[in-house]
Amino acid sequence: MEPPIINGVSKPKKPGGYQDSGADIAYALQSGSDIEVLTPQRSPDPHEASGWSFPDTEEGILSALRTGASHLWANTILFASHPIQMSSRVSKYEESVRVIGQPPLLVEQYDDKWFVNNLLRSKSIFTMPHAWLIYESPNVEAELSRMNLSYPIVAKPIRGRGSYGVKVCYTQQQLLKHVKGLFKDSPLIMMEEYLSGEEATISVMPPSKERPEYWSMPIVTRFNHKDGIAPYNGVVAVTVNSKVVSQKEYEDDLSYSEAARQCAAVAKFLQVTAPIRIDIRRFEPGGKFALFDVNMKPNMTGPGRPGREDQASLTALAAAGLGWDYSKLLRHMLHSSCTLRQLREARLEV
């Protein structure tokens, strides 16, 4: 489904949607003998992304449920008006079906980077970069001058996706040109201080019967940035610019464990019901980490289907650091599912 326009801003869809990761998930899970995976197409071709996932429309969801689905994998963009949240026809399944995914009411709030970062900043227990918001107006240049910013500055959409629209600007003129381009899609833009040190990412798992608390997976460090920004994984596979931080590196640098602790605390505070991924970066080389981007729907591609050997996601790389293969990661996610009623009733408690 098309994401709605919220406060004048719409989250950009991933080119081609999420059929690729949906196919990866379904293929990997059905490879085990104990899980029956229902697909809209009988025996879909593993070389193709289509035919593995039901549409995320009301009819698509109902079709999966009527076929006998006990679990729904919500591998799509969610929002408050999504049928998985609002459909009265789906309501009869609230107690019987379980969902792997985030509460739509919370996702709509947290997909606003300005909102969620300010929310975390307000708690005074999370390390966050300085940030500013600028609205589209005829006086943008004057507004930027009035802010007296220290360059470089990172400018980005507040409802972005990955590195889409993210740019490091070294002068006010560069920033002005970039924000004017971003205003074509959004009437307000977020700016952050540029963090010049190491970038890494931390995937956090929700509670499950096996482990009843939020916990951080091994940290994945990023490198080979382009113009100061980690490139979109659809252009550069994360397997060539990311690696798991070794146990020795982790133990020798306390900033890693502190970042992992904060990320697990973020997941608990936000009451997430599925894995999230939080991007972190050091203020300067060798310095402490700041949390700068909370991703409510981390990419979940993985190897298994023919030709997908290099398509491990950042969360799959983290899982490999635990000795898990892609299928084992998915099974752990399956075990942390919640009922549709729990998903629908989740609310932010500040």
Protein backbone atom coordinates (compact mmCIF):
# COMPACT_ATOMS: atom_id res chain seq x y z
CA MET A 1 0.00 0.00 0.00
CA GLU A 2 1.03 3.60 -0.54
CA PRO A 3 2.17 5.26 2.71
CA PRO A 4 -0.15 8.14 3.64
CA ILE A 5 0.84 11.79 3.75
CA ILE A 6 1.33 12.72 7.42
CA ASN A 7 1.73 16.40 8.30
CA GLY A 8 2.54 17.06 4.67
CA VAL A 9 5.21 14.35 4.52
CA SER A 10 5.11 10.87 2.99
CA LYS A 11 7.71 8.16 3.59
CA PRO A 12 9.27 7.13 0.26
CA LYS A 13 8.65 3.54 -0.75
CA LYS A 14 11.54 1.23 -1.44
CA PRO A 15 11.95 0.77 -5.22
CA GLY A 16 10.16 -2.48 -6.03
CA GLY A 17 8.69 -2.66 -2.54
CA TYR A 18 9.66 -5.43 -0.13
CA GLN A 19 9.03 -8.43 -2.38
CA ASP A 20 12.73 -9.34 -2.39
CA SER A 21 13.03 -9.70 1.39
CA GLY A 22 9.56 -11.26 1.57
CA ALA A 23 10.69 -13.94 -0.86
CA ASP A 24 13.95 -14.43 1.07
CA ILE A 25 12.06 -14.86 4.35
CA ALA A 26 9.49 -17.28 2.96
CA TYR A 27 12.09 -19.37 1.10
CA ALA A 28 14.37 -19.65 4.15
CA LEU A 29 11.55 -20.59 6.51
CA GLN A 30 10.04 -23.21 4.21
CA SER A 31 13.45 -24.85 3.87
CA GLY A 32 12.88 -26.28 7.35
CA SER A 33 10.63 -29.31 7.66
CA ASP A 34 8.67 -28.02 10.66
CA ILE A 35 7.27 -24.73 9.30
CA GLU A 36 4.57 -24.54 6.65
CA VAL A 37 4.80 -21.29 4.70
CA LEU A 38 1.66 -20.13 2.89
CA THR A 39 2.20 -18.19 -0.33
CA PRO A 40 -0.35 -16.68 -2.74
CA GLN A 41 1.20 -18.59 -5.61
CA ARG A 42 1.66 -22.35 -5.41
CA SER A 43 5.36 -23.27 -5.64
CA PRO A 44 6.70 -19.79 -6.48
CA ASP A 45 9.96 -19.63 -8.44
CA PRO A 46 12.93 -19.04 -6.07
CA HIS A 47 14.64 -17.10 -8.87
CA GLU A 48 11.82 -14.51 -8.74
CA ALA A 49 10.67 -12.19 -5.94
CA SER A 50 7.02 -12.31 -6.97
CA GLY A 51 4.52 -14.92 -5.82
CA TRP A 52 5.91 -15.31 -2.30
CA SER A 53 4.04 -12.55 -0.41
CA PHE A 54 0.37 -11.71 -0.02
CA PRO A 55 -0.50 -8.05 -0.71
CA ASP A 56 -0.68 -5.87 2.41
CA THR A 57 -4.18 -4.71 1.45
CA GLU A 58 -7.27 -5.73 3.42
CA GLU A 59 -8.10 -8.38 0.83
CA GLY A 60 -4.53 -9.63 0.79
CA ILE A 61 -4.46 -9.99 4.57
CA LEU A 62 -7.86 -11.72 4.61
CA SER A 63 -6.75 -14.06 1.84
CA ALA A 64 -3.75 -15.16 3.92
CA LEU A 65 -5.92 -15.64 7.00
CA ARG A 66 -8.60 -17.59 5.15
CA THR A 67 -5.91 -19.83 3.72
CA GLY A 68 -5.08 -20.79 7.29
CA ALA A 69 -2.24 -18.51 8.34
CA SER A 70 -1.48 -18.62 12.07
CA HIS A 71 1.22 -15.93 11.78
CA LEU A 72 1.46 -12.82 9.60
CA TRP A 73 4.91 -11.47 8.77
CA ALA A 74 4.29 -7.73 8.37
CA ASN A 75 7.20 -7.10 6.03
CA THR A 76 5.90 -3.75 4.81
CA ILE A 77 5.55 -0.09 5.75
CA LEU A 78 2.99 0.22 8.55
CA PHE A 79 0.94 3.24 9.65
CA ALA A 80 -2.11 4.04 11.77
CA SER A 81 -4.66 3.63 8.96
CA HIS A 82 -3.18 0.36 7.65
CA PRO A 83 -5.79 -2.44 7.39
CA ILE A 84 -3.79 -4.65 9.75
CA GLN A 85 -4.64 -2.02 12.37
CA MET A 86 -8.02 -0.72 11.22
CA SER A 87 -9.87 -3.42 9.28
CA SER A 88 -13.01 -4.60 11.10
CA ARG A 89 -13.05 -7.67 8.88
CA VAL A 90 -9.62 -8.65 10.19
CA SER A 91 -10.70 -8.04 13.81
CA LYS A 92 -12.21 -11.52 14.21
CA TYR A 93 -8.66 -12.90 14.05
CA GLU A 94 -7.24 -10.63 16.78
CA GLU A 95 -6.78 -13.40 19.36
CA SER A 96 -5.97 -16.30 17.05
CA VAL A 97 -3.33 -14.84 14.74
CA ARG A 98 0.15 -13.70 15.72
CA VAL A 99 2.17 -11.01 13.95
CA ILE A 100 5.86 -10.47 13.38
CA GLY A 101 6.07 -6.71 13.08
CA GLN A 102 5.69 -3.38 14.86
CA PRO A 103 2.49 -1.75 16.20
CA PRO A 104 1.22 0.48 13.36
CA LEU A 105 0.18 3.28 15.73
CA LEU A 106 3.70 3.47 17.11
CA VAL A 107 5.40 3.12 13.73
CA GLU A 108 3.55 6.15 12.40
CA GLN A 109 4.98 8.20 15.27
CA TYR A 110 8.49 6.72 15.24
CA ASP A 111 8.98 6.96 11.48
CA ASP A 112 9.16 10.72 12.09
CA LYS A 113 12.89 11.04 12.82
CA TRP A 114 12.45 14.46 14.39
CA PHE A 115 9.78 13.17 16.76
CA VAL A 116 11.58 10.02 17.86
CA ASN A 117 15.00 11.66 18.28
CA ASN A 118 13.49 14.48 20.33
CA LEU A 119 11.58 11.92 22.39
CA LEU A 120 14.81 10.10 23.18
CA ARG A 121 16.67 13.37 23.78
CA SER A 122 14.02 14.40 26.31
CA LYS A 123 14.86 11.42 28.53
CA SER A 124 18.42 12.70 29.12
CA ILE A 125 19.74 9.13 29.29
CA PHE A 126 20.50 8.64 25.60
CA THR A 127 23.47 10.17 23.77
CA MET A 128 22.07 12.10 20.80
CA PRO A 129 23.53 14.58 18.28
CA HIS A 130 22.38 18.20 18.15
CA ALA A 131 19.61 18.68 15.60
CA TRP A 132 17.50 21.42 14.01
CA LEU A 133 14.30 21.57 11.98
CA ILE A 134 13.66 23.93 9.10
CA TYR A 135 10.34 24.58 7.34
CA GLU A 136 9.85 25.44 3.70
CA SER A 137 9.45 29.20 3.32
CA PRO A 138 10.57 32.09 1.09
CA ASN A 139 13.07 33.01 3.82
CA VAL A 140 14.99 29.74 4.06
CA GLU A 141 18.39 31.33 3.45
CA ALA A 142 17.80 33.93 6.16
CA GLU A 143 16.61 31.21 8.54
CA LEU A 144 19.78 29.19 7.96
CA SER A 145 21.91 32.27 8.59
CA ARG A 146 20.01 33.00 11.79
CA MET A 147 20.72 29.47 13.09
CA ASN A 148 24.47 30.17 12.99
CA LEU A 149 25.21 26.50 12.25
CA SER A 150 28.67 24.95 12.50
CA TYR A 151 29.56 23.06 9.34
CA PRO A 152 29.58 20.35 8.13
CA ILE A 153 25.88 19.62 8.67
CA VAL A 154 23.84 16.57 7.67
CA ALA A 155 20.44 17.32 6.11
CA LYS A 156 17.80 14.60 5.67
CA PRO A 157 14.04 14.03 5.24
CA ILE A 158 12.19 13.48 8.54
CA ARG A 159 10.41 10.44 7.08
CA GLY A 160 13.24 8.98 5.10
CA ARG A 161 14.33 5.50 4.12
CA GLY A 162 17.93 4.42 4.52
CA SER A 163 20.33 6.98 3.07
CA TYR A 164 17.67 8.41 0.74
CA GLY A 165 18.03 12.19 0.64
CA VAL A 166 20.82 12.24 3.25
CA LYS A 167 23.74 14.54 2.46
CA VAL A 168 26.71 16.07 4.27
CA CYS A 169 26.83 19.81 3.50
CA TYR A 170 30.05 21.72 4.10
CA THR A 171 28.81 25.27 3.47
CA GLN A 172 25.57 27.18 3.84
CA GLN A 173 25.21 27.35 0.07
CA GLN A 174 25.49 23.57 -0.22
CA LEU A 175 22.94 23.18 2.56
CA LEU A 176 20.57 25.70 0.99
CA LYS A 177 20.70 23.91 -2.37
CA HIS A 178 20.12 20.52 -0.76
CA VAL A 179 17.20 21.51 1.47
CA LYS A 180 15.49 23.26 -1.44
CA GLY A 181 15.71 19.95 -3.33
CA LEU A 182 14.31 18.05 -0.35
CA PHE A 183 11.44 20.54 -0.04
CA LYS A 184 10.05 19.14 -3.31
CA ASP A 185 9.01 16.04 -1.32
CA SER A 186 8.64 17.43 2.20
CA PRO A 187 7.77 20.83 3.71
CA LEU A 188 10.14 20.31 6.64
CA ILE A 189 13.70 19.03 6.81
CA MET A 190 15.85 17.77 9.65
CA MET A 191 19.46 18.83 10.13
CA GLU A 192 22.02 17.23 12.45
CA GLU A 193 25.56 17.93 13.50
CA TYR A 194 27.96 15.82 11.44
CA LEU A 195 29.45 12.94 13.39
CA SER A 196 32.93 12.37 11.96
CA GLY A 197 33.93 9.13 13.69
CA GLU A 198 33.25 5.45 13.14
CA GLU A 199 29.73 4.49 12.11
CA ALA A 200 28.12 1.27 13.29
CA THR A 201 24.67 -0.21 13.63
CA ILE A 202 23.03 -2.22 16.39
CA SER A 203 20.07 -4.55 15.90
CA VAL A 204 17.94 -5.04 19.01
CA MET A 205 15.74 -8.09 19.55
CA PRO A 206 12.43 -7.91 21.44
CA PRO A 207 11.57 -10.21 24.36
CA SER A 208 10.67 -13.83 23.70
CA LYS A 209 10.02 -16.93 25.80
CA GLU A 210 13.66 -17.92 25.41
CA ARG A 211 14.97 -14.49 26.41
CA PRO A 212 12.38 -12.29 28.17
CA GLU A 213 14.14 -8.94 27.78
CA TYR A 214 15.28 -6.56 25.05
CA TRP A 215 18.85 -7.29 24.01
CA SER A 216 21.42 -5.98 21.55
CA MET A 217 22.92 -8.23 18.92
CA PRO A 218 26.63 -8.00 17.98
CA ILE A 219 27.59 -4.59 16.66
CA VAL A 220 28.21 -4.20 12.94
CA THR A 221 30.68 -1.49 11.94
CA ARG A 222 30.34 0.37 8.62
CA PHE A 223 33.13 1.59 6.31
CA ASN A 224 33.80 2.75 2.74
CA HIS A 225 31.36 5.65 3.03
CA LYS A 226 30.55 7.76 0.00
CA ASP A 227 30.78 11.51 0.67
CA GLY A 228 30.53 10.84 4.40
CA ILE A 229 27.35 8.73 4.19
CA ALA A 230 26.92 4.93 4.16
CA PRO A 231 25.49 4.14 0.70
CA TYR A 232 22.06 2.60 0.19
CA ASN A 233 22.27 -1.20 0.32
CA GLY A 234 20.40 -1.45 -2.98
CA VAL A 235 23.46 0.13 -4.61
CA VAL A 236 26.28 -1.33 -2.50
CA ALA A 237 25.72 -4.67 -0.74
CA VAL A 238 26.35 -4.32 3.01
CA THR A 239 28.53 -7.44 2.87
CA VAL A 240 31.25 -5.37 1.19
CA ASN A 241 31.20 -2.34 3.51
CA SER A 242 30.24 -3.76 6.91
CA LYS A 243 31.57 -6.33 9.38
CA VAL A 244 30.85 -7.54 12.90
CA VAL A 245 32.96 -5.95 15.63
CA SER A 246 35.18 -8.69 17.06
CA GLN A 247 34.89 -9.79 20.67
CA LYS A 248 38.36 -8.36 21.39
CA GLU A 249 37.47 -5.01 19.82
CA TYR A 250 34.28 -4.95 21.86
CA GLU A 251 36.02 -5.75 25.12
CA ASP A 252 38.87 -3.28 24.53
CA ASP A 253 36.54 -0.31 23.91
CA LEU A 254 33.87 0.38 26.53
CA SER A 255 32.05 2.74 24.15
CA TYR A 256 30.75 -0.32 22.26
CA SER A 257 29.10 -1.86 25.33
CA GLU A 258 27.67 1.52 26.35
CA ALA A 259 26.13 1.98 22.89
CA ALA A 260 24.69 -1.56 23.03
CA ARG A 261 23.21 -0.85 26.47
CA GLN A 262 21.60 2.39 25.27
CA CYS A 263 20.15 0.76 22.15
CA ALA A 264 18.50 -2.01 24.18
CA ALA A 265 17.10 0.68 26.50
CA VAL A 266 15.72 2.57 23.47
CA ALA A 267 13.87 -0.54 22.25
CA LYS A 268 12.38 -1.06 25.70
CA PHE A 269 11.35 2.59 26.02
CA LEU A 270 9.72 2.59 22.56
CA GLN A 271 7.93 -0.71 23.34
CA VAL A 272 8.83 -2.32 20.04
CA THR A 273 7.51 -5.79 19.25
CA ALA A 274 9.96 -6.82 16.52
CA PRO A 275 13.66 -6.22 15.84
CA ILE A 276 14.77 -2.64 15.28
CA ARG A 277 18.11 -1.34 14.06
CA ILE A 278 19.73 1.79 15.46
CA ASP A 279 22.51 3.57 13.58
CA ILE A 280 25.25 5.04 15.74
CA ARG A 281 28.34 7.10 15.04
CA ARG A 282 31.21 8.50 17.09
CA PHE A 283 31.28 12.27 17.57
CA GLU A 284 34.92 12.13 16.45
CA PRO A 285 37.44 9.32 15.80
CA GLY A 286 37.96 7.40 19.03
CA GLY A 287 35.15 9.31 20.81
CA LYS A 288 31.88 8.12 22.26
CA PHE A 289 28.94 7.06 20.12
CA ALA A 290 25.74 9.02 19.48
CA LEU A 291 22.49 7.36 18.43
CA PHE A 292 21.27 9.10 15.31
CA ASP A 293 18.72 6.94 13.47
CA VAL A 294 16.10 4.49 14.77
CA ASN A 295 14.96 2.16 12.00
CA MET A 296 11.64 0.52 12.89
CA LYS A 297 11.73 -1.79 9.88
CA PRO A 298 15.28 -2.90 9.24
CA ASN A 299 15.98 -4.50 5.91
CA MET A 300 15.59 -8.25 6.28
CA THR A 301 17.04 -9.68 3.09
CA GLY A 302 19.20 -12.77 3.36
CA PRO A 303 20.91 -15.54 1.41
CA GLY A 304 19.17 -18.73 0.32
CA ARG A 305 17.44 -18.12 -2.99
CA PRO A 306 19.61 -18.54 -6.11
CA GLY A 307 21.79 -15.50 -6.79
CA ARG A 308 21.17 -13.99 -3.34
CA GLU A 309 24.43 -15.11 -1.73
CA ASP A 310 25.64 -11.54 -1.07
CA GLN A 311 22.28 -10.14 0.07
CA ALA A 312 22.64 -10.55 3.83
CA SER A 313 21.13 -7.56 5.63
CA LEU A 314 22.90 -5.74 8.45
CA THR A 315 20.75 -7.64 10.96
CA ALA A 316 21.67 -10.92 9.27
CA LEU A 317 25.36 -9.97 9.57
CA ALA A 318 24.81 -9.31 13.28
CA ALA A 319 23.14 -12.71 13.61
CA ALA A 320 26.15 -14.35 11.98
CA GLY A 321 28.21 -12.86 14.81
CA LEU A 322 26.16 -15.07 17.15
CA GLY A 323 26.77 -18.11 14.97
CA TRP A 324 23.24 -17.96 13.56
CA ASP A 325 22.46 -18.45 9.91
CA TYR A 326 19.66 -16.47 8.24
CA SER A 327 17.07 -19.17 8.90
CA LYS A 328 17.88 -19.25 12.63
CA LEU A 329 17.52 -15.46 12.83
CA LEU A 330 14.06 -15.69 11.26
CA ARG A 331 13.03 -18.43 13.67
CA HIS A 332 14.02 -16.28 16.64
CA MET A 333 11.94 -13.46 15.18
CA LEU A 334 9.03 -15.86 14.77
CA HIS A 335 9.28 -16.79 18.45
CA SER A 336 8.98 -13.13 19.49
CA SER A 337 5.65 -12.62 17.68
CA CYS A 338 2.67 -11.11 19.48
CA THR A 339 -1.09 -11.42 18.95
CA LEU A 340 -2.82 -9.08 16.55
CA ARG A 341 -4.75 -7.67 19.52
CA GLN A 342 -1.53 -6.84 21.38
CA LEU A 343 -0.17 -5.19 18.25
CA ARG A 344 -3.31 -3.10 17.77
CA GLU A 345 -3.56 -2.02 21.39
CA ALA A 346 0.05 -0.90 21.82
CA ARG A 347 0.38 2.78 22.80
CA LEU A 348 3.31 4.99 23.68
CA GLU A 349 3.58 5.43 27.43
CA VAL A 350 5.85 8.38 28.20
